[in-house]
Amino acid sequence: KTKGSDFVSCYRIALRLAHVSGHRSYYLRGVGARLQSALQNFALETLQQRGFIPMVVPDMLKGAVFEGCGMQPHAHRSQVYSLDPACFPDLNLAGTGEVGIAGYFMDHAVNWKDLPVRSVCSSTCYRAETDTGRETWGLYRVHHFNKVEMFGVTADETGEESSQMLEEFLSLQKEIFSSLELHYRVLDMPTQELGRPAHRKYDIEAWMPGRDSYGEISSGSNCTDYQSRRLNILYEGEDGSLHYAHTVNATACAIPRTIIAILETHQTKEGTVLVPPALQPFLGLEVIEKPKYIPLKYIGPNQPNRMPRPVPKPR
């Protein structure tokens, strides 16, 4: 395995491109871009084979959906990006596909015969991260990233349906990360680490040699009826009566952090990366060779004979 100091070169070009979109943004090109697509397709294919319904969800949603999911889009130091209210009243960028899928079921009832409902989506997530420190560099904690998310709606007849679904989701997460041959551990989170909606929560951390520590790559929560009561997600019983459903969510694959774990876990002394067999059909490669970059020479904005940048007109 390669020592942590050897991974720094992966981020140099990103540092030079920070003037394009600011701190905590990134570019993926070449095999990096292909690796993102491969991970998304691998996770989606795995879950569709297990009966999950694929969905495409909106990135922009109204504040009521966020609040119903247990988030506070307008709170001080909120992790939610809000669009300019003068142009887009009450629209916010989703930080997880969970919000979009939950909004799909909002104010609707599912027949008991169709439960449980298992949905999956791949979406771009936007988060106004405010933490400082080592985790702010590289791909680990960024303002936008792609993620494959699982979401389940269950009945509440025995009180165990949603707990069983959380364990099912955890089993699928372990299957995905084991197939990627990652070294990971599962944490059963204590009550002080639970968010507002979560009745129980698991975190999964993978070993990242470049950090010389474990890093969170996934989580899953059983929200019981917290979200369904606020979003009015119901199910119709056999006798026609309406009851609040239970909701469960879990991350199948957070792309940037999974890329970190794969590149660092499977990197060789020669600088190549051995692709896990389960991912090879989706990536089309058995080995990722050292990338050949097109050299870019930074010349800066102050050059002679350059047209001035346009100044935005006030609205």
Protein backbone atom coordinates (compact mmCIF):
# COMPACT_ATOMS: atom_id res chain seq x y z
CA LYS A 1 0.00 0.00 0.00
CA THR A 2 1.06 3.55 -0.61
CA LYS A 3 1.75 6.00 2.19
CA GLY A 4 -0.65 8.85 2.81
CA SER A 5 1.75 11.55 1.60
CA ASP A 6 1.70 10.04 -1.90
CA PHE A 7 -1.99 10.88 -2.36
CA VAL A 8 -1.55 14.64 -2.22
CA SER A 9 -0.77 14.88 -5.94
CA CYS A 10 -4.35 13.82 -6.73
CA TYR A 11 -5.61 17.19 -5.49
CA ARG A 12 -3.09 19.61 -6.99
CA ILE A 13 -5.01 20.39 -10.16
CA ALA A 14 -8.17 20.87 -8.08
CA LEU A 15 -6.41 23.51 -6.00
CA ARG A 16 -5.40 25.37 -9.16
CA LEU A 17 -8.99 25.32 -10.41
CA ALA A 18 -10.55 26.65 -7.20
CA HIS A 19 -11.10 30.06 -8.83
CA VAL A 20 -13.83 28.51 -11.03
CA SER A 21 -16.30 27.51 -8.31
CA GLY A 22 -14.58 28.19 -5.01
CA HIS A 23 -13.51 26.00 -2.13
CA ARG A 24 -14.84 22.42 -1.69
CA SER A 25 -15.55 21.92 -5.38
CA TYR A 26 -13.86 19.46 -7.71
CA TYR A 27 -13.47 18.17 -11.24
CA LEU A 28 -13.42 14.54 -12.35
CA ARG A 29 -12.05 13.79 -15.81
CA GLY A 30 -11.00 10.72 -17.73
CA VAL A 31 -11.13 7.58 -15.61
CA GLY A 32 -12.30 9.64 -12.63
CA ALA A 33 -15.48 10.60 -14.47
CA ARG A 34 -15.93 7.02 -15.67
CA LEU A 35 -15.45 5.74 -12.13
CA GLN A 36 -18.29 7.93 -10.90
CA SER A 37 -20.64 6.58 -13.58
CA ALA A 38 -19.50 3.01 -12.89
CA LEU A 39 -20.20 3.28 -9.16
CA GLN A 40 -23.64 4.78 -9.78
CA ASN A 41 -24.59 2.07 -12.26
CA PHE A 42 -23.17 -0.68 -10.05
CA ALA A 43 -25.21 0.46 -7.04
CA LEU A 44 -28.38 1.02 -9.08
CA GLU A 45 -28.10 -2.37 -10.80
CA THR A 46 -27.53 -4.13 -7.47
CA LEU A 47 -30.65 -2.56 -5.94
CA GLN A 48 -32.89 -2.99 -8.98
CA GLN A 49 -32.11 -6.70 -8.89
CA ARG A 50 -33.46 -6.65 -5.31
CA GLY A 51 -36.77 -5.14 -6.36
CA PHE A 52 -36.08 -1.44 -5.82
CA ILE A 53 -37.97 0.99 -8.05
CA PRO A 54 -35.58 3.49 -9.71
CA MET A 55 -36.60 7.14 -9.57
CA VAL A 56 -35.39 10.48 -10.88
CA VAL A 57 -36.13 13.18 -8.31
CA PRO A 58 -36.00 16.99 -8.42
CA ASP A 59 -32.98 18.79 -7.00
CA MET A 60 -35.07 21.82 -6.00
CA LEU A 61 -37.86 21.41 -3.47
CA LYS A 62 -40.04 23.57 -1.27
CA GLY A 63 -39.21 24.23 2.35
CA ALA A 64 -42.15 22.20 3.66
CA VAL A 65 -40.62 19.00 2.29
CA PHE A 66 -37.29 19.67 4.03
CA GLU A 67 -39.04 20.52 7.29
CA GLY A 68 -41.16 17.40 7.05
CA CYS A 69 -37.98 15.35 6.68
CA GLY A 70 -36.57 16.90 9.86
CA MET A 71 -34.33 19.55 8.28
CA GLN A 72 -34.35 23.31 8.84
CA PRO A 73 -33.63 25.06 5.53
CA HIS A 74 -33.83 28.58 6.96
CA ALA A 75 -32.05 28.03 10.27
CA HIS A 76 -28.79 29.76 11.16
CA ARG A 77 -25.82 27.82 9.73
CA SER A 78 -28.19 25.49 7.91
CA GLN A 79 -26.64 22.87 5.64
CA VAL A 80 -29.35 23.61 3.05
CA TYR A 81 -28.75 25.97 0.12
CA SER A 82 -31.72 28.28 -0.49
CA LEU A 83 -32.24 29.91 -3.88
CA ASP A 84 -32.68 33.66 -4.19
CA PRO A 85 -36.19 34.27 -2.79
CA ALA A 86 -36.66 37.27 -5.10
CA CYS A 87 -36.55 34.92 -8.10
CA PHE A 88 -37.48 31.51 -6.67
CA PRO A 89 -39.69 31.84 -3.57
CA ASP A 90 -39.30 28.95 -1.12
CA LEU A 91 -37.08 26.74 -3.27
CA ASN A 92 -34.05 24.94 -1.84
CA LEU A 93 -31.39 22.57 -3.18
CA ALA A 94 -31.67 19.03 -1.85
CA GLY A 95 -28.74 17.69 0.16
CA THR A 96 -29.90 14.10 -0.28
CA GLY A 97 -32.19 12.12 -2.56
CA GLU A 98 -34.18 11.15 0.53
CA VAL A 99 -35.94 14.54 0.43
CA GLY A 100 -37.05 14.13 -3.17
CA ILE A 101 -38.41 10.62 -2.69
CA ALA A 102 -40.16 11.55 0.56
CA GLY A 103 -41.78 14.47 -1.25
CA TYR A 104 -43.13 12.06 -3.87
CA PHE A 105 -45.18 10.29 -1.19
CA MET A 106 -46.24 13.51 0.57
CA ASP A 107 -50.04 13.79 1.07
CA HIS A 108 -50.60 10.35 -0.48
CA ALA A 109 -51.66 6.94 0.78
CA VAL A 110 -50.26 3.56 -0.30
CA ASN A 111 -52.46 0.47 -0.27
CA TRP A 112 -51.34 -2.09 2.30
CA LYS A 113 -51.02 -4.73 -0.45
CA ASP A 114 -48.26 -2.66 -2.10
CA LEU A 115 -46.14 -2.33 1.05
CA PRO A 116 -43.29 -2.21 1.63
CA VAL A 117 -42.23 0.17 -1.13
CA ARG A 118 -38.51 0.22 -1.91
CA SER A 119 -37.26 3.14 -4.02
CA VAL A 120 -33.78 4.17 -5.17
CA CYS A 121 -32.48 7.29 -6.86
CA SER A 122 -29.19 8.72 -8.02
CA SER A 123 -29.04 12.47 -7.58
CA THR A 124 -26.71 15.42 -7.15
CA CYS A 125 -26.62 16.57 -3.53
CA TYR A 126 -25.85 20.11 -2.42
CA ARG A 127 -24.65 20.91 1.10
CA ALA A 128 -23.43 24.15 2.63
CA GLU A 129 -20.73 22.43 4.66
CA THR A 130 -19.36 24.64 7.44
CA ASP A 131 -16.88 22.34 9.20
CA THR A 132 -13.21 23.28 9.23
CA GLY A 133 -10.03 21.25 9.51
CA ARG A 134 -8.40 18.39 7.67
CA GLU A 135 -11.67 17.11 6.17
CA THR A 136 -12.13 20.28 4.11
CA TRP A 137 -9.46 19.22 1.56
CA GLY A 138 -9.95 16.92 -1.39
CA LEU A 139 -13.12 14.95 -2.10
CA TYR A 140 -14.09 14.06 1.46
CA ARG A 141 -16.31 17.03 2.36
CA VAL A 142 -17.59 18.99 -0.62
CA HIS A 143 -20.49 21.29 -1.49
CA HIS A 144 -21.91 19.06 -4.23
CA PHE A 145 -21.63 15.35 -4.97
CA ASN A 146 -23.55 12.45 -6.48
CA LYS A 147 -25.16 9.83 -4.29
CA VAL A 148 -27.31 6.72 -4.71
CA GLU A 149 -30.00 6.69 -2.02
CA MET A 150 -32.41 3.99 -0.81
CA PHE A 151 -35.81 4.92 0.62
CA GLY A 152 -38.45 2.63 2.07
CA VAL A 153 -42.08 3.02 3.11
CA THR A 154 -43.51 0.35 5.42
CA ALA A 155 -46.68 -0.39 7.34
CA ASP A 156 -46.89 -0.08 11.12
CA GLU A 157 -48.92 -3.11 12.11
CA THR A 158 -46.49 -5.06 14.30
CA GLY A 159 -44.11 -2.19 15.07
CA GLU A 160 -41.23 -4.18 13.59
CA GLU A 161 -41.66 -3.55 9.86
CA SER A 162 -39.42 -0.48 9.65
CA SER A 163 -36.80 -2.04 11.93
CA GLN A 164 -36.64 -5.05 9.63
CA MET A 165 -36.28 -2.77 6.60
CA LEU A 166 -33.40 -0.88 8.23
CA GLU A 167 -31.61 -4.21 8.76
CA GLU A 168 -32.34 -5.13 5.13
CA PHE A 169 -30.86 -1.83 3.94
CA LEU A 170 -27.80 -2.38 6.14
CA SER A 171 -27.33 -5.85 4.65
CA LEU A 172 -27.42 -4.33 1.14
CA GLN A 173 -24.91 -1.66 2.10
CA LYS A 174 -22.55 -4.31 3.45
CA GLU A 175 -22.99 -6.34 0.26
CA ILE A 176 -22.08 -3.32 -1.90
CA PHE A 177 -18.99 -2.36 0.11
CA SER A 178 -17.85 -5.97 0.46
CA SER A 179 -18.15 -6.35 -3.32
CA LEU A 180 -15.89 -3.31 -3.67
CA GLU A 181 -13.43 -5.06 -1.33
CA LEU A 182 -13.28 -2.14 1.10
CA HIS A 183 -12.27 -2.42 4.73
CA TYR A 184 -15.23 -1.01 6.64
CA ARG A 185 -16.92 -1.04 10.02
CA VAL A 186 -20.54 -0.54 11.08
CA LEU A 187 -21.38 1.81 13.95
CA ASP A 188 -24.69 1.58 15.82
CA MET A 189 -25.01 5.26 16.66
CA PRO A 190 -25.77 6.42 20.23
CA THR A 191 -28.78 8.60 20.94
CA GLN A 192 -26.75 11.82 21.13
CA GLU A 193 -25.64 11.26 17.52
CA LEU A 194 -29.16 10.82 16.14
CA GLY A 195 -30.80 13.57 14.13
CA ARG A 196 -34.34 14.71 14.82
CA PRO A 197 -36.14 12.15 12.65
CA ALA A 198 -34.03 9.06 13.43
CA HIS A 199 -35.27 6.36 15.80
CA ARG A 200 -32.16 4.31 15.05
CA LYS A 201 -29.17 4.98 12.84
CA TYR A 202 -26.18 3.08 11.48
CA ASP A 203 -23.04 4.71 10.12
CA ILE A 204 -20.56 2.84 7.93
CA GLU A 205 -16.93 3.93 7.88
CA ALA A 206 -14.26 2.73 5.44
CA TRP A 207 -10.53 2.69 6.05
CA MET A 208 -8.82 5.45 4.05
CA PRO A 209 -5.03 5.05 4.01
CA GLY A 210 -4.48 8.62 2.84
CA ARG A 211 -6.17 9.89 6.01
CA ASP A 212 -4.69 7.10 8.13
CA SER A 213 -8.13 6.69 9.68
CA TYR A 214 -11.67 5.56 9.02
CA GLY A 215 -14.00 7.92 7.18
CA GLU A 216 -17.78 7.81 6.95
CA ILE A 217 -19.02 6.59 3.58
CA SER A 218 -22.64 5.73 4.33
CA SER A 219 -25.45 5.83 6.85
CA GLY A 220 -28.98 4.52 7.30
CA SER A 221 -31.86 5.63 9.52
CA ASN A 222 -35.21 4.33 10.65
CA CYS A 223 -37.42 7.41 11.01
CA THR A 224 -40.54 5.44 12.07
CA ASP A 225 -43.48 7.90 11.77
CA TYR A 226 -41.54 11.16 12.28
CA GLN A 227 -41.51 12.08 8.60
CA SER A 228 -44.84 10.49 7.70
CA ARG A 229 -46.75 12.54 10.30
CA ARG A 230 -45.20 15.78 9.05
CA LEU A 231 -45.48 14.93 5.36
CA ASN A 232 -48.82 13.13 5.67
CA ILE A 233 -47.56 9.84 4.23
CA LEU A 234 -50.25 7.24 4.89
CA TYR A 235 -51.15 3.69 4.06
CA GLU A 236 -54.62 2.25 3.59
CA GLY A 237 -55.33 -0.81 5.72
CA GLU A 238 -57.26 -3.90 4.67
CA ASP A 239 -60.44 -2.38 6.12
CA GLY A 240 -59.94 0.92 4.30
CA SER A 241 -58.73 2.84 7.35
CA LEU A 242 -55.76 5.20 7.01
CA HIS A 243 -52.62 4.95 9.14
CA TYR A 244 -49.29 6.76 9.24
CA ALA A 245 -46.59 4.80 7.44
CA HIS A 246 -42.98 4.40 8.58
CA THR A 247 -40.03 5.60 6.49
CA VAL A 248 -36.46 4.30 6.25
CA ASN A 249 -33.54 5.77 4.32
CA ALA A 250 -29.96 4.69 3.66
CA THR A 251 -27.07 5.66 1.41
CA ALA A 252 -26.13 2.95 -1.07
CA CYS A 253 -23.11 4.81 -2.46
CA ALA A 254 -21.81 8.34 -1.79
CA ILE A 255 -19.63 8.66 -4.87
CA PRO A 256 -16.69 10.93 -3.88
CA ARG A 257 -15.94 9.20 -0.58
CA THR A 258 -16.29 5.78 -2.17
CA ILE A 259 -13.83 6.89 -4.86
CA ILE A 260 -11.39 7.90 -2.11
CA ALA A 261 -11.68 4.51 -0.43
CA ILE A 262 -11.29 2.57 -3.70
CA LEU A 263 -8.30 4.52 -5.03
CA GLU A 264 -6.45 4.39 -1.72
CA THR A 265 -7.33 0.82 -0.72
CA HIS A 266 -6.51 -0.75 -4.08
CA GLN A 267 -3.56 1.44 -5.06
CA THR A 268 -0.26 -0.32 -5.78
CA LYS A 269 3.33 0.77 -5.28
CA GLU A 270 3.51 1.55 -9.00
CA GLY A 271 0.67 4.06 -8.68
CA THR A 272 -1.92 1.93 -10.50
CA VAL A 273 -5.24 0.90 -8.97
CA LEU A 274 -6.62 -2.65 -9.09
CA VAL A 275 -10.33 -2.48 -9.92
CA PRO A 276 -12.52 -4.78 -7.78
CA PRO A 277 -13.96 -7.60 -9.96
CA ALA A 278 -17.56 -6.57 -9.19
CA LEU A 279 -16.90 -3.10 -10.62
CA GLN A 280 -14.96 -4.19 -13.72
CA PRO A 281 -18.02 -4.79 -15.98
CA PHE A 282 -19.26 -1.26 -15.23
CA LEU A 283 -15.89 0.48 -15.60
CA GLY A 284 -14.55 -1.65 -18.45
CA LEU A 285 -11.12 -1.83 -16.82
CA GLU A 286 -9.24 -4.27 -14.63
CA VAL A 287 -6.49 -1.80 -13.75
CA ILE A 288 -6.56 1.99 -13.58
CA GLU A 289 -3.23 3.21 -14.90
CA LYS A 290 -1.51 6.36 -13.73
CA PRO A 291 -3.36 9.22 -15.46
CA LYS A 292 -1.80 11.22 -18.25
CA TYR A 293 -2.85 14.79 -17.73
CA ILE A 294 -3.07 17.41 -20.45
CA PRO A 295 -0.74 20.07 -19.02
CA LEU A 296 -2.50 23.33 -18.23
CA LYS A 297 -0.44 26.43 -17.62
CA TYR A 298 -2.18 28.88 -15.33
CA ILE A 299 -1.83 32.36 -16.79
CA GLY A 300 -4.20 34.24 -14.50
CA PRO A 301 -6.91 36.77 -15.40
CA ASN A 302 -4.65 39.81 -15.90
CA GLN A 303 -3.38 39.40 -19.44
CA PRO A 304 -2.84 42.03 -22.15
CA ASN A 305 -5.44 42.34 -24.93
CA ARG A 306 -7.99 40.41 -22.91
CA MET A 307 -11.62 41.39 -23.08
CA PRO A 308 -12.82 42.53 -19.64
CA ARG A 309 -15.15 40.21 -17.77
CA PRO A 310 -18.77 41.35 -17.92
CA VAL A 311 -20.13 42.93 -14.75
CA PRO A 312 -23.48 41.38 -13.71
CA LYS A 313 -26.35 43.84 -13.90
CA PRO A 314 -28.31 44.35 -10.66
CA ARG A 315 -31.73 42.72 -10.64
